[in-house]
């Protein structure tokens, strides 16, 4: 956005690592692309990711960093 002054028109998930897929919700109203295998991995790991990224767990981790 800093270069074009426009919001991205699509997103691409190159693979299923959390540092590449967390934040997809920001682009929920735009086309999102990924390989079939990446989608399979994300669907398989969905419950695990939802647990890892629960608001409670993230808040606890933030509190830990603040110490």
PDB file of N, CA and C in Angstrom:
ATOM      1  N   UNK A   1       0.816  -1.179   0.000  1.00  0.00           N
ATOM      2  CA  UNK A   1       0.000   0.000   0.000  1.00  0.00           C
ATOM      3  C   UNK A   1       0.872   1.259   0.000  1.00  0.00           C
ATOM      4  N   UNK A   2       2.008   1.195   0.630  1.00  0.00           N
ATOM      5  CA  UNK A   2       2.862   2.372   0.700  1.00  0.00           C
ATOM      6  C   UNK A   2       3.359   2.790  -0.678  1.00  0.00           C
ATOM      7  N   UNK A   3       3.559   1.839  -1.558  1.00  0.00           N
ATOM      8  CA  UNK A   3       4.075   2.166  -2.886  1.00  0.00           C
ATOM      9  C   UNK A   3       2.980   2.616  -3.857  1.00  0.00           C
ATOM     10  N   UNK A   4       1.857   1.928  -3.833  1.00  0.00           N
ATOM     11  CA  UNK A   4       0.805   2.200  -4.819  1.00  0.00           C
ATOM     12  C   UNK A   4      -0.319   3.072  -4.288  1.00  0.00           C
ATOM     13  N   UNK A   5      -0.404   3.206  -2.962  1.00  0.00           N
ATOM     14  CA  UNK A   5      -1.487   3.929  -2.304  1.00  0.00           C
ATOM     15  C   UNK A   5      -2.846   3.287  -2.579  1.00  0.00           C
ATOM     16  N   UNK A   6      -2.817   2.000  -2.873  1.00  0.00           N
ATOM     17  CA  UNK A   6      -4.048   1.236  -3.099  1.00  0.00           C
ATOM     18  C   UNK A   6      -4.017  -0.002  -2.216  1.00  0.00           C
ATOM     19  N   UNK A   7      -5.196  -0.428  -1.784  1.00  0.00           N
ATOM     20  CA  UNK A   7      -5.303  -1.661  -1.020  1.00  0.00           C
ATOM     21  C   UNK A   7      -5.108  -2.828  -1.985  1.00  0.00           C
ATOM     22  N   UNK A   8      -4.420  -3.901  -1.574  1.00  0.00           N
ATOM     23  CA  UNK A   8      -4.224  -5.042  -2.481  1.00  0.00           C
ATOM     24  C   UNK A   8      -5.542  -5.577  -3.027  1.00  0.00           C
ATOM     25  N   UNK A   9      -5.536  -5.976  -4.281  1.00  0.00           N
ATOM     26  CA  UNK A   9      -6.753  -6.471  -4.920  1.00  0.00           C
ATOM     27  C   UNK A   9      -6.901  -7.988  -4.796  1.00  0.00           C
ATOM     28  N   UNK A  10      -5.847  -8.682  -4.357  1.00  0.00           N
ATOM     29  CA  UNK A  10      -5.886 -10.132  -4.153  1.00  0.00           C
ATOM     30  C   UNK A  10      -4.754 -10.507  -3.225  1.00  0.00           C
ATOM     31  N   UNK A  11      -4.776 -11.754  -2.758  1.00  0.00           N
ATOM     32  CA  UNK A  11      -3.667 -12.261  -1.955  1.00  0.00           C
ATOM     33  C   UNK A  11      -3.336 -13.676  -2.395  1.00  0.00           C
ATOM     34  N   UNK A  12      -2.108 -14.071  -2.111  1.00  0.00           N
ATOM     35  CA  UNK A  12      -1.620 -15.397  -2.480  1.00  0.00           C
ATOM     36  C   UNK A  12      -0.978 -16.021  -1.248  1.00  0.00           C
ATOM     37  N   UNK A  13      -1.415 -17.219  -0.918  1.00  0.00           N
ATOM     38  CA  UNK A  13      -0.783 -17.992   0.155  1.00  0.00           C
ATOM     39  C   UNK A  13       0.190 -18.963  -0.498  1.00  0.00           C
ATOM     40  N   UNK A  14       1.465 -18.693  -0.325  1.00  0.00           N
ATOM     41  CA  UNK A  14       2.480 -19.525  -0.976  1.00  0.00           C
ATOM     42  C   UNK A  14       2.617 -20.883  -0.306  1.00  0.00           C
ATOM     43  N   UNK A  15       2.352 -20.925   1.009  1.00  0.00           N
ATOM     44  CA  UNK A  15       2.391 -22.180   1.749  1.00  0.00           C
ATOM     45  C   UNK A  15       1.665 -21.979   3.074  1.00  0.00           C
ATOM     46  N   UNK A  16       1.525 -23.045   3.832  1.00  0.00           N
ATOM     47  CA  UNK A  16       0.654 -23.019   4.994  1.00  0.00           C
ATOM     48  C   UNK A  16       1.256 -22.610   6.313  1.00  0.00           C
ATOM     49  N   UNK A  17       2.451 -22.035   6.337  1.00  0.00           N
ATOM     50  CA  UNK A  17       3.022 -21.601   7.610  1.00  0.00           C
ATOM     51  C   UNK A  17       2.247 -20.409   8.154  1.00  0.00           C
ATOM     52  N   UNK A  18       2.095 -20.394   9.467  1.00  0.00           N
ATOM     53  CA  UNK A  18       1.281 -19.355  10.091  1.00  0.00           C
ATOM     54  C   UNK A  18       1.742 -17.950   9.745  1.00  0.00           C
ATOM     55  N   UNK A  19       3.043 -17.747   9.625  1.00  0.00           N
ATOM     56  CA  UNK A  19       3.519 -16.395   9.328  1.00  0.00           C
ATOM     57  C   UNK A  19       3.161 -15.947   7.919  1.00  0.00           C
ATOM     58  N   UNK A  20       2.589 -16.851   7.129  1.00  0.00           N
ATOM     59  CA  UNK A  20       2.159 -16.497   5.778  1.00  0.00           C
ATOM     60  C   UNK A  20       0.642 -16.442   5.629  1.00  0.00           C
ATOM     61  N   UNK A  21      -0.098 -17.013   6.579  1.00  0.00           N
ATOM     62  CA  UNK A  21      -1.552 -17.061   6.426  1.00  0.00           C
ATOM     63  C   UNK A  21      -2.319 -16.276   7.483  1.00  0.00           C
ATOM     64  N   UNK A  22      -1.672 -15.977   8.609  1.00  0.00           N
ATOM     65  CA  UNK A  22      -2.349 -15.182   9.627  1.00  0.00           C
ATOM     66  C   UNK A  22      -2.580 -13.786   9.050  1.00  0.00           C
ATOM     67  N   UNK A  23      -3.769 -13.320   9.139  1.00  0.00           N
ATOM     68  CA  UNK A  23      -4.122 -12.027   8.579  1.00  0.00           C
ATOM     69  C   UNK A  23      -4.940 -12.141   7.308  1.00  0.00           C
ATOM     70  N   UNK A  24      -5.160 -13.365   6.845  1.00  0.00           N
ATOM     71  CA  UNK A  24      -5.979 -13.540   5.630  1.00  0.00           C
ATOM     72  C   UNK A  24      -7.350 -12.893   5.766  1.00  0.00           C
ATOM     73  N   UNK A  25      -7.870 -12.819   6.995  1.00  0.00           N
ATOM     74  CA  UNK A  25      -9.202 -12.258   7.184  1.00  0.00           C
ATOM     75  C   UNK A  25      -9.293 -10.813   6.708  1.00  0.00           C
ATOM     76  N   UNK A  26      -8.176 -10.110   6.667  1.00  0.00           N
ATOM     77  CA  UNK A  26      -8.169  -8.727   6.182  1.00  0.00           C
ATOM     78  C   UNK A  26      -8.561  -8.677   4.706  1.00  0.00           C
ATOM     79  N   UNK A  27      -8.277  -9.748   3.983  1.00  0.00           N
ATOM     80  CA  UNK A  27      -8.535  -9.806   2.551  1.00  0.00           C
ATOM     81  C   UNK A  27      -9.738 -10.686   2.202  1.00  0.00           C
ATOM     82  N   UNK A  28     -10.602 -10.937   3.169  1.00  0.00           N
ATOM     83  CA  UNK A  28     -11.711 -11.879   2.973  1.00  0.00           C
ATOM     84  C   UNK A  28     -12.648 -11.499   1.833  1.00  0.00           C
ATOM     85  N   UNK A  29     -12.726 -10.230   1.509  1.00  0.00           N
ATOM     86  CA  UNK A  29     -13.627  -9.812   0.439  1.00  0.00           C
ATOM     87  C   UNK A  29     -12.932  -9.720  -0.925  1.00  0.00           C
ATOM     88  N   UNK A  30     -11.712 -10.242  -1.008  1.00  0.00           N
ATOM     89  CA  UNK A  30     -10.951 -10.214  -2.261  1.00  0.00           C
ATOM     90  C   UNK A  30     -10.541 -11.638  -2.646  1.00  0.00           C
ATOM     91  N   UNK A  31     -10.222 -11.860  -3.903  1.00  0.00           N
ATOM     92  CA  UNK A  31      -9.763 -13.194  -4.309  1.00  0.00           C
ATOM     93  C   UNK A  31      -8.503 -13.601  -3.543  1.00  0.00           C
ATOM     94  N   UNK A  32      -8.458 -14.862  -3.146  1.00  0.00           N
ATOM     95  CA  UNK A  32      -7.312 -15.401  -2.427  1.00  0.00           C
ATOM     96  C   UNK A  32      -6.892 -16.682  -3.136  1.00  0.00           C
ATOM     97  N   UNK A  33      -5.629 -16.770  -3.454  1.00  0.00           N
ATOM     98  CA  UNK A  33      -5.121 -17.899  -4.223  1.00  0.00           C
ATOM     99  C   UNK A  33      -4.126 -18.720  -3.408  1.00  0.00           C
ATOM    100  N   UNK A  34      -4.128 -20.016  -3.666  1.00  0.00           N
ATOM    101  CA  UNK A  34      -3.188 -20.949  -3.044  1.00  0.00           C
ATOM    102  C   UNK A  34      -3.211 -22.224  -3.869  1.00  0.00           C
ATOM    103  N   UNK A  35      -2.152 -22.989  -3.756  1.00  0.00           N
ATOM    104  CA  UNK A  35      -2.147 -24.279  -4.445  1.00  0.00           C
ATOM    105  C   UNK A  35      -3.134 -25.217  -3.753  1.00  0.00           C
ATOM    106  N   UNK A  36      -3.547 -26.220  -4.442  1.00  0.00           N
ATOM    107  CA  UNK A  36      -4.473 -27.207  -3.865  1.00  0.00           C
ATOM    108  C   UNK A  36      -3.865 -27.823  -2.608  1.00  0.00           C
ATOM    109  N   UNK A  37      -2.569 -28.115  -2.655  1.00  0.00           N
ATOM    110  CA  UNK A  37      -1.897 -28.729  -1.506  1.00  0.00           C
ATOM    111  C   UNK A  37      -1.873 -27.775  -0.305  1.00  0.00           C
ATOM    112  N   UNK A  38      -1.646 -26.500  -0.550  1.00  0.00           N
ATOM    113  CA  UNK A  38      -1.654 -25.526   0.543  1.00  0.00           C
ATOM    114  C   UNK A  38      -3.027 -25.477   1.193  1.00  0.00           C
ATOM    115  N   UNK A  39      -4.074 -25.486   0.410  1.00  0.00           N
ATOM    116  CA  UNK A  39      -5.437 -25.482   0.947  1.00  0.00           C
ATOM    117  C   UNK A  39      -5.674 -26.745   1.774  1.00  0.00           C
ATOM    118  N   UNK A  40      -5.251 -27.894   1.282  1.00  0.00           N
ATOM    119  CA  UNK A  40      -5.411 -29.148   2.030  1.00  0.00           C
ATOM    120  C   UNK A  40      -4.710 -29.068   3.381  1.00  0.00           C
ATOM    121  N   UNK A  41      -3.495 -28.565   3.391  1.00  0.00           N
ATOM    122  CA  UNK A  41      -2.728 -28.448   4.642  1.00  0.00           C
ATOM    123  C   UNK A  41      -3.435 -27.506   5.605  1.00  0.00           C
ATOM    124  N   UNK A  42      -3.901 -26.381   5.103  1.00  0.00           N
ATOM    125  CA  UNK A  42      -4.582 -25.423   5.969  1.00  0.00           C
ATOM    126  C   UNK A  42      -5.871 -26.000   6.539  1.00  0.00           C
ATOM    127  N   UNK A  43      -6.612 -26.725   5.737  1.00  0.00           N
ATOM    128  CA  UNK A  43      -7.840 -27.346   6.240  1.00  0.00           C
ATOM    129  C   UNK A  43      -7.520 -28.415   7.278  1.00  0.00           C
ATOM    130  N   UNK A  44      -6.470 -29.200   7.051  1.00  0.00           N
ATOM    131  CA  UNK A  44      -6.070 -30.231   8.010  1.00  0.00           C
ATOM    132  C   UNK A  44      -5.627 -29.621   9.338  1.00  0.00           C
ATOM    133  N   UNK A  45      -4.996 -28.470   9.297  1.00  0.00           N
ATOM    134  CA  UNK A  45      -4.450 -27.847  10.496  1.00  0.00           C
ATOM    135  C   UNK A  45      -5.368 -26.777  11.092  1.00  0.00           C
ATOM    136  N   UNK A  46      -6.555 -26.641  10.559  1.00  0.00           N
ATOM    137  CA  UNK A  46      -7.446 -25.564  10.985  1.00  0.00           C
ATOM    138  C   UNK A  46      -7.700 -25.562  12.488  1.00  0.00           C
ATOM    139  N   UNK A  47      -8.098 -26.681  13.052  1.00  0.00           N
ATOM    140  CA  UNK A  47      -8.407 -26.732  14.491  1.00  0.00           C
ATOM    141  C   UNK A  47      -7.174 -26.387  15.319  1.00  0.00           C
ATOM    142  N   UNK A  48      -6.033 -26.929  14.917  1.00  0.00           N
ATOM    143  CA  UNK A  48      -4.786 -26.648  15.625  1.00  0.00           C
ATOM    144  C   UNK A  48      -4.459 -25.151  15.576  1.00  0.00           C
ATOM    145  N   UNK A  49      -4.617 -24.547  14.414  1.00  0.00           N
ATOM    146  CA  UNK A  49      -4.323 -23.127  14.265  1.00  0.00           C
ATOM    147  C   UNK A  49      -5.290 -22.279  15.080  1.00  0.00           C
ATOM    148  N   UNK A  50      -6.567 -22.660  15.092  1.00  0.00           N
ATOM    149  CA  UNK A  50      -7.553 -21.890  15.856  1.00  0.00           C
ATOM    150  C   UNK A  50      -7.236 -21.934  17.344  1.00  0.00           C
ATOM    151  N   UNK A  51      -6.748 -23.076  17.827  1.00  0.00           N
ATOM    152  CA  UNK A  51      -6.354 -23.192  19.231  1.00  0.00           C
ATOM    153  C   UNK A  51      -5.118 -22.353  19.499  1.00  0.00           C
ATOM    154  N   UNK A  52      -4.129 -22.461  18.632  1.00  0.00           N
ATOM    155  CA  UNK A  52      -2.881 -21.707  18.793  1.00  0.00           C
ATOM    156  C   UNK A  52      -3.112 -20.206  18.745  1.00  0.00           C
ATOM    157  N   UNK A  53      -4.078 -19.778  17.982  1.00  0.00           N
ATOM    158  CA  UNK A  53      -4.311 -18.356  17.774  1.00  0.00           C
ATOM    159  C   UNK A  53      -5.535 -17.837  18.508  1.00  0.00           C
ATOM    160  N   UNK A  54      -5.988 -18.565  19.512  1.00  0.00           N
ATOM    161  CA  UNK A  54      -7.166 -18.108  20.252  1.00  0.00           C
ATOM    162  C   UNK A  54      -6.842 -16.786  20.939  1.00  0.00           C
ATOM    163  N   UNK A  55      -7.829 -15.929  21.078  1.00  0.00           N
ATOM    164  CA  UNK A  55      -7.579 -14.643  21.745  1.00  0.00           C
ATOM    165  C   UNK A  55      -6.982 -14.813  23.143  1.00  0.00           C
ATOM    166  N   UNK A  56      -7.450 -15.814  23.868  1.00  0.00           N
ATOM    167  CA  UNK A  56      -6.941 -16.041  25.222  1.00  0.00           C
ATOM    168  C   UNK A  56      -5.457 -16.398  25.208  1.00  0.00           C
ATOM    169  N   UNK A  57      -5.086 -17.274  24.297  1.00  0.00           N
ATOM    170  CA  UNK A  57      -3.682 -17.691  24.225  1.00  0.00           C
ATOM    171  C   UNK A  57      -2.794 -16.529  23.780  1.00  0.00           C
ATOM    172  N   UNK A  58      -3.241 -15.777  22.815  1.00  0.00           N
ATOM    173  CA  UNK A  58      -2.450 -14.636  22.348  1.00  0.00           C
ATOM    174  C   UNK A  58      -2.304 -13.579  23.444  1.00  0.00           C
ATOM    175  N   UNK A  59      -3.375 -13.325  24.190  1.00  0.00           N
ATOM    176  CA  UNK A  59      -3.294 -12.363  25.291  1.00  0.00           C
ATOM    177  C   UNK A  59      -2.321 -12.839  26.362  1.00  0.00           C
ATOM    178  N   UNK A  60      -2.336 -14.141  26.663  1.00  0.00           N
ATOM    179  CA  UNK A  60      -1.403 -14.692  27.647  1.00  0.00           C
ATOM    180  C   UNK A  60       0.040 -14.543  27.167  1.00  0.00           C
ATOM    181  N   UNK A  61       0.283 -14.777  25.898  1.00  0.00           N
ATOM    182  CA  UNK A  61       1.634 -14.622  25.360  1.00  0.00           C
ATOM    183  C   UNK A  61       2.082 -13.161  25.407  1.00  0.00           C
ATOM    184  N   UNK A  62       1.175 -12.240  25.122  1.00  0.00           N
ATOM    185  CA  UNK A  62       1.511 -10.813  25.181  1.00  0.00           C
ATOM    186  C   UNK A  62       1.873 -10.435  26.619  1.00  0.00           C
ATOM    187  N   UNK A  63       1.075 -10.900  27.575  1.00  0.00           N
ATOM    188  CA  UNK A  63       1.389 -10.612  28.986  1.00  0.00           C
ATOM    189  C   UNK A  63       2.754 -11.157  29.366  1.00  0.00           C
ATOM    190  N   UNK A  64       3.102 -12.328  28.851  1.00  0.00           N
ATOM    191  CA  UNK A  64       4.402 -12.936  29.127  1.00  0.00           C
ATOM    192  C   UNK A  64       5.527 -12.059  28.587  1.00  0.00           C
ATOM    193  N   UNK A  65       5.357 -11.512  27.418  1.00  0.00           N
ATOM    194  CA  UNK A  65       6.380 -10.638  26.818  1.00  0.00           C
ATOM    195  C   UNK A  65       6.515  -9.331  27.588  1.00  0.00           C
ATOM    196  N   UNK A  66       5.443  -8.887  28.205  1.00  0.00           N
ATOM    197  CA  UNK A  66       5.466  -7.613  28.931  1.00  0.00           C
ATOM    198  C   UNK A  66       6.210  -7.699  30.249  1.00  0.00           C
ATOM    199  N   UNK A  67       6.495  -8.898  30.709  1.00  0.00           N
ATOM    200  CA  UNK A  67       7.206  -9.070  31.999  1.00  0.00           C
ATOM    201  C   UNK A  67       8.659  -8.723  31.881  1.00  0.00           C
TER     202      UNK A  67
END
